[in-house]
Amino acid sequence: MTQDESRARQHDQTPHTAPCGGFTLVEVITVLLIIGILSALIATRGNTLNSDLPARMSEVRAQLRYIQLKAMKSGASYLALQCSNSTYWAYDTATPSTYLLLPGEKSATISLTDKNMAMNAFTIAFDRFGIPYSGSPLAKLSTNATITITAGGQSDSLYVTPETGFVP
């Protein structure tokens, strides 16, 4: 046997090491990115119900402030926001059958069902000085008026303060 043949045979008999069975850095980073994107999507979809209540609270707060400012600007005797079991609306107490269109609404009568919310029945009116009144007949607020709103399986309350009509 020649030296070259001996080396070839020796080379064939040396144990070959198999490549490692691990993952490359690129594969690990790709999997982590996919997991991160999926978890972000799941987290944001799960929070849609929780965001309904703050959105509805903010909407009603803005509508109360709008009615108060409109009453002060127009000099009307009283402008009111009233809620029954299924709807709410704004009106001038001098012409209670004529409803006012609230900003961002398509109809003067707003359906609570369409907004996926519920509110307790109330009447809040503001005079030309922005002072809040409540009840029937209207009486100046002596304590906070409470409006309870339920949306997305949660409930919270808005408070209209006496004298100023501030809704924190």
Protein backbone atom coordinates (compact mmCIF):
# COMPACT_ATOMS: atom_id res chain seq x y z
CA MET A 1 0.00 0.00 0.00
CA THR A 2 1.38 3.35 -0.94
CA GLN A 3 1.60 6.24 1.36
CA ASP A 4 -1.18 8.06 -0.45
CA GLU A 5 -3.49 5.07 -0.14
CA SER A 6 -2.63 4.80 3.54
CA ARG A 7 -3.51 8.44 4.14
CA ALA A 8 -6.79 8.10 2.22
CA ARG A 9 -7.77 5.03 4.27
CA GLN A 10 -6.80 6.76 7.50
CA HIS A 11 -8.81 9.80 6.48
CA ASP A 12 -11.85 7.62 5.77
CA GLN A 13 -11.57 6.00 9.21
CA THR A 14 -11.47 9.21 11.20
CA PRO A 15 -14.82 9.86 12.81
CA HIS A 16 -16.81 12.59 11.12
CA THR A 17 -18.54 15.00 13.43
CA ALA A 18 -22.11 15.78 12.47
CA PRO A 19 -23.10 19.46 12.25
CA CYS A 20 -24.66 20.84 15.43
CA GLY A 21 -28.47 20.61 15.61
CA GLY A 22 -29.05 24.16 17.02
CA PHE A 23 -30.81 27.15 15.49
CA THR A 24 -29.09 30.03 13.81
CA LEU A 25 -29.36 33.51 15.23
CA VAL A 26 -31.49 34.61 12.27
CA GLU A 27 -34.01 31.83 12.94
CA VAL A 28 -34.27 32.71 16.64
CA ILE A 29 -34.77 36.42 15.91
CA THR A 30 -37.42 35.64 13.26
CA VAL A 31 -39.40 33.47 15.69
CA LEU A 32 -39.20 36.13 18.42
CA LEU A 33 -40.44 38.80 16.00
CA ILE A 34 -43.40 36.67 14.95
CA ILE A 35 -44.31 35.94 18.58
CA GLY A 36 -44.05 39.64 19.43
CA ILE A 37 -46.30 40.69 16.55
CA LEU A 38 -48.91 38.04 17.37
CA SER A 39 -48.96 38.96 21.07
CA ALA A 40 -49.37 42.66 20.20
CA LEU A 41 -52.33 41.84 17.95
CA ILE A 42 -53.97 39.68 20.59
CA ALA A 43 -53.43 42.29 23.31
CA THR A 44 -54.96 45.12 21.28
CA ARG A 45 -57.98 43.06 20.24
CA GLY A 46 -58.64 42.07 23.84
CA ASN A 47 -58.72 45.70 25.00
CA THR A 48 -61.47 46.92 22.66
CA LEU A 49 -64.19 46.21 25.21
CA ASN A 50 -62.27 47.97 27.97
CA SER A 51 -61.97 51.14 25.89
CA ASP A 52 -65.74 51.46 25.36
CA LEU A 53 -66.45 52.89 28.81
CA PRO A 54 -63.83 55.70 28.78
CA ALA A 55 -64.92 56.65 25.24
CA ARG A 56 -68.60 56.82 26.23
CA MET A 57 -67.80 58.75 29.42
CA SER A 58 -65.78 61.27 27.44
CA GLU A 59 -68.54 61.60 24.84
CA VAL A 60 -71.30 62.33 27.39
CA ARG A 61 -69.00 64.72 29.31
CA ALA A 62 -68.33 66.65 26.09
CA GLN A 63 -72.05 66.78 25.27
CA LEU A 64 -72.87 68.16 28.72
CA ARG A 65 -70.20 70.83 28.30
CA TYR A 66 -71.52 71.65 24.84
CA ILE A 67 -75.05 72.15 26.19
CA GLN A 68 -73.73 74.35 29.00
CA LEU A 69 -71.67 76.53 26.62
CA LYS A 70 -74.52 76.77 24.13
CA ALA A 71 -76.89 77.89 26.93
CA MET A 72 -74.45 80.60 28.01
CA LYS A 73 -73.75 81.75 24.46
CA SER A 74 -77.37 81.79 23.25
CA GLY A 75 -78.86 83.30 26.41
CA ALA A 76 -81.63 80.68 26.32
CA SER A 77 -83.65 80.26 29.49
CA TYR A 78 -82.55 76.61 29.88
CA LEU A 79 -80.93 74.05 27.61
CA ALA A 80 -81.18 70.47 28.82
CA LEU A 81 -79.77 67.02 28.22
CA GLN A 82 -82.25 64.31 29.14
CA CYS A 83 -81.98 60.51 29.20
CA SER A 84 -84.69 57.88 29.36
CA ASN A 85 -84.12 54.12 29.49
CA SER A 86 -83.26 53.78 25.80
CA THR A 87 -82.40 57.22 24.37
CA TYR A 88 -81.05 60.63 25.25
CA TRP A 89 -81.48 64.02 23.63
CA ALA A 90 -80.87 67.76 24.05
CA TYR A 91 -83.52 70.47 23.88
CA ASP A 92 -84.41 74.03 24.78
CA THR A 93 -86.91 73.94 27.66
CA ALA A 94 -88.86 76.78 26.01
CA THR A 95 -89.65 74.38 23.12
CA PRO A 96 -89.22 70.89 24.62
CA SER A 97 -90.53 69.07 21.55
CA THR A 98 -87.74 70.54 19.35
CA TYR A 99 -84.56 68.56 19.88
CA LEU A 100 -81.08 69.96 19.31
CA LEU A 101 -78.55 68.07 17.21
CA LEU A 102 -75.46 67.31 19.29
CA PRO A 103 -72.01 67.53 17.64
CA GLY A 104 -70.90 64.30 15.98
CA GLU A 105 -74.40 62.81 15.99
CA LYS A 106 -76.53 61.97 12.96
CA SER A 107 -79.83 62.20 14.79
CA ALA A 108 -81.19 64.50 17.49
CA THR A 109 -82.38 61.46 19.45
CA ILE A 110 -79.45 59.20 20.36
CA SER A 111 -80.08 55.50 20.88
CA LEU A 112 -78.20 53.97 23.80
CA THR A 113 -78.45 50.54 22.15
CA ASP A 114 -76.73 51.80 19.00
CA LYS A 115 -73.86 53.07 21.16
CA ASN A 116 -73.68 49.80 23.16
CA MET A 117 -74.18 51.63 26.43
CA ALA A 118 -76.69 52.23 29.21
CA MET A 119 -77.30 55.29 31.40
CA ASN A 120 -79.55 56.06 34.31
CA ALA A 121 -82.51 58.35 33.61
CA PHE A 122 -81.67 62.02 34.22
CA THR A 123 -82.39 65.59 33.21
CA ILE A 124 -79.59 68.14 33.49
CA ALA A 125 -80.30 71.70 32.35
CA PHE A 126 -78.13 74.81 32.26
CA ASP A 127 -79.30 78.41 32.47
CA ARG A 128 -77.80 81.38 30.61
CA PHE A 129 -75.10 81.65 33.30
CA GLY A 130 -74.10 77.96 32.97
CA ILE A 131 -75.58 77.04 36.37
CA PRO A 132 -76.86 73.45 36.40
CA TYR A 133 -80.42 72.41 37.25
CA SER A 134 -81.97 68.99 37.57
CA GLY A 135 -85.32 67.27 38.01
CA SER A 136 -88.85 68.05 36.99
CA PRO A 137 -89.64 70.84 37.64
CA LEU A 138 -86.10 72.10 37.27
CA ALA A 139 -84.36 72.97 40.53
CA LYS A 140 -80.86 74.35 41.03
CA LEU A 141 -78.40 71.61 41.99
CA SER A 142 -77.52 71.57 45.67
CA THR A 143 -75.36 68.42 45.48
CA ASN A 144 -73.53 66.68 42.66
CA ALA A 145 -75.80 65.20 39.99
CA THR A 146 -74.69 61.65 39.15
CA ILE A 147 -74.88 60.08 35.72
CA THR A 148 -73.99 56.38 35.72
CA ILE A 149 -72.76 54.97 32.42
CA THR A 150 -72.32 51.28 31.60
CA ALA A 151 -70.39 50.13 28.53
CA GLY A 152 -68.17 47.19 27.68
CA GLY A 153 -69.25 45.34 30.84
CA GLN A 154 -68.00 48.15 33.11
CA SER A 155 -69.71 51.03 34.90
CA ASP A 156 -68.57 54.45 36.06
CA SER A 157 -70.15 57.76 37.00
CA LEU A 158 -69.95 61.36 35.85
CA TYR A 159 -70.67 64.10 38.37
CA VAL A 160 -72.10 67.52 37.54
CA THR A 161 -71.07 69.95 40.28
CA PRO A 162 -73.50 72.56 41.66
CA GLU A 163 -73.07 76.26 40.80
CA THR A 164 -70.38 75.78 38.11
CA GLY A 165 -71.71 72.72 36.27
CA PHE A 166 -68.17 71.40 35.99
CA VAL A 167 -67.98 67.73 34.92
CA PRO A 168 -64.58 66.36 36.00
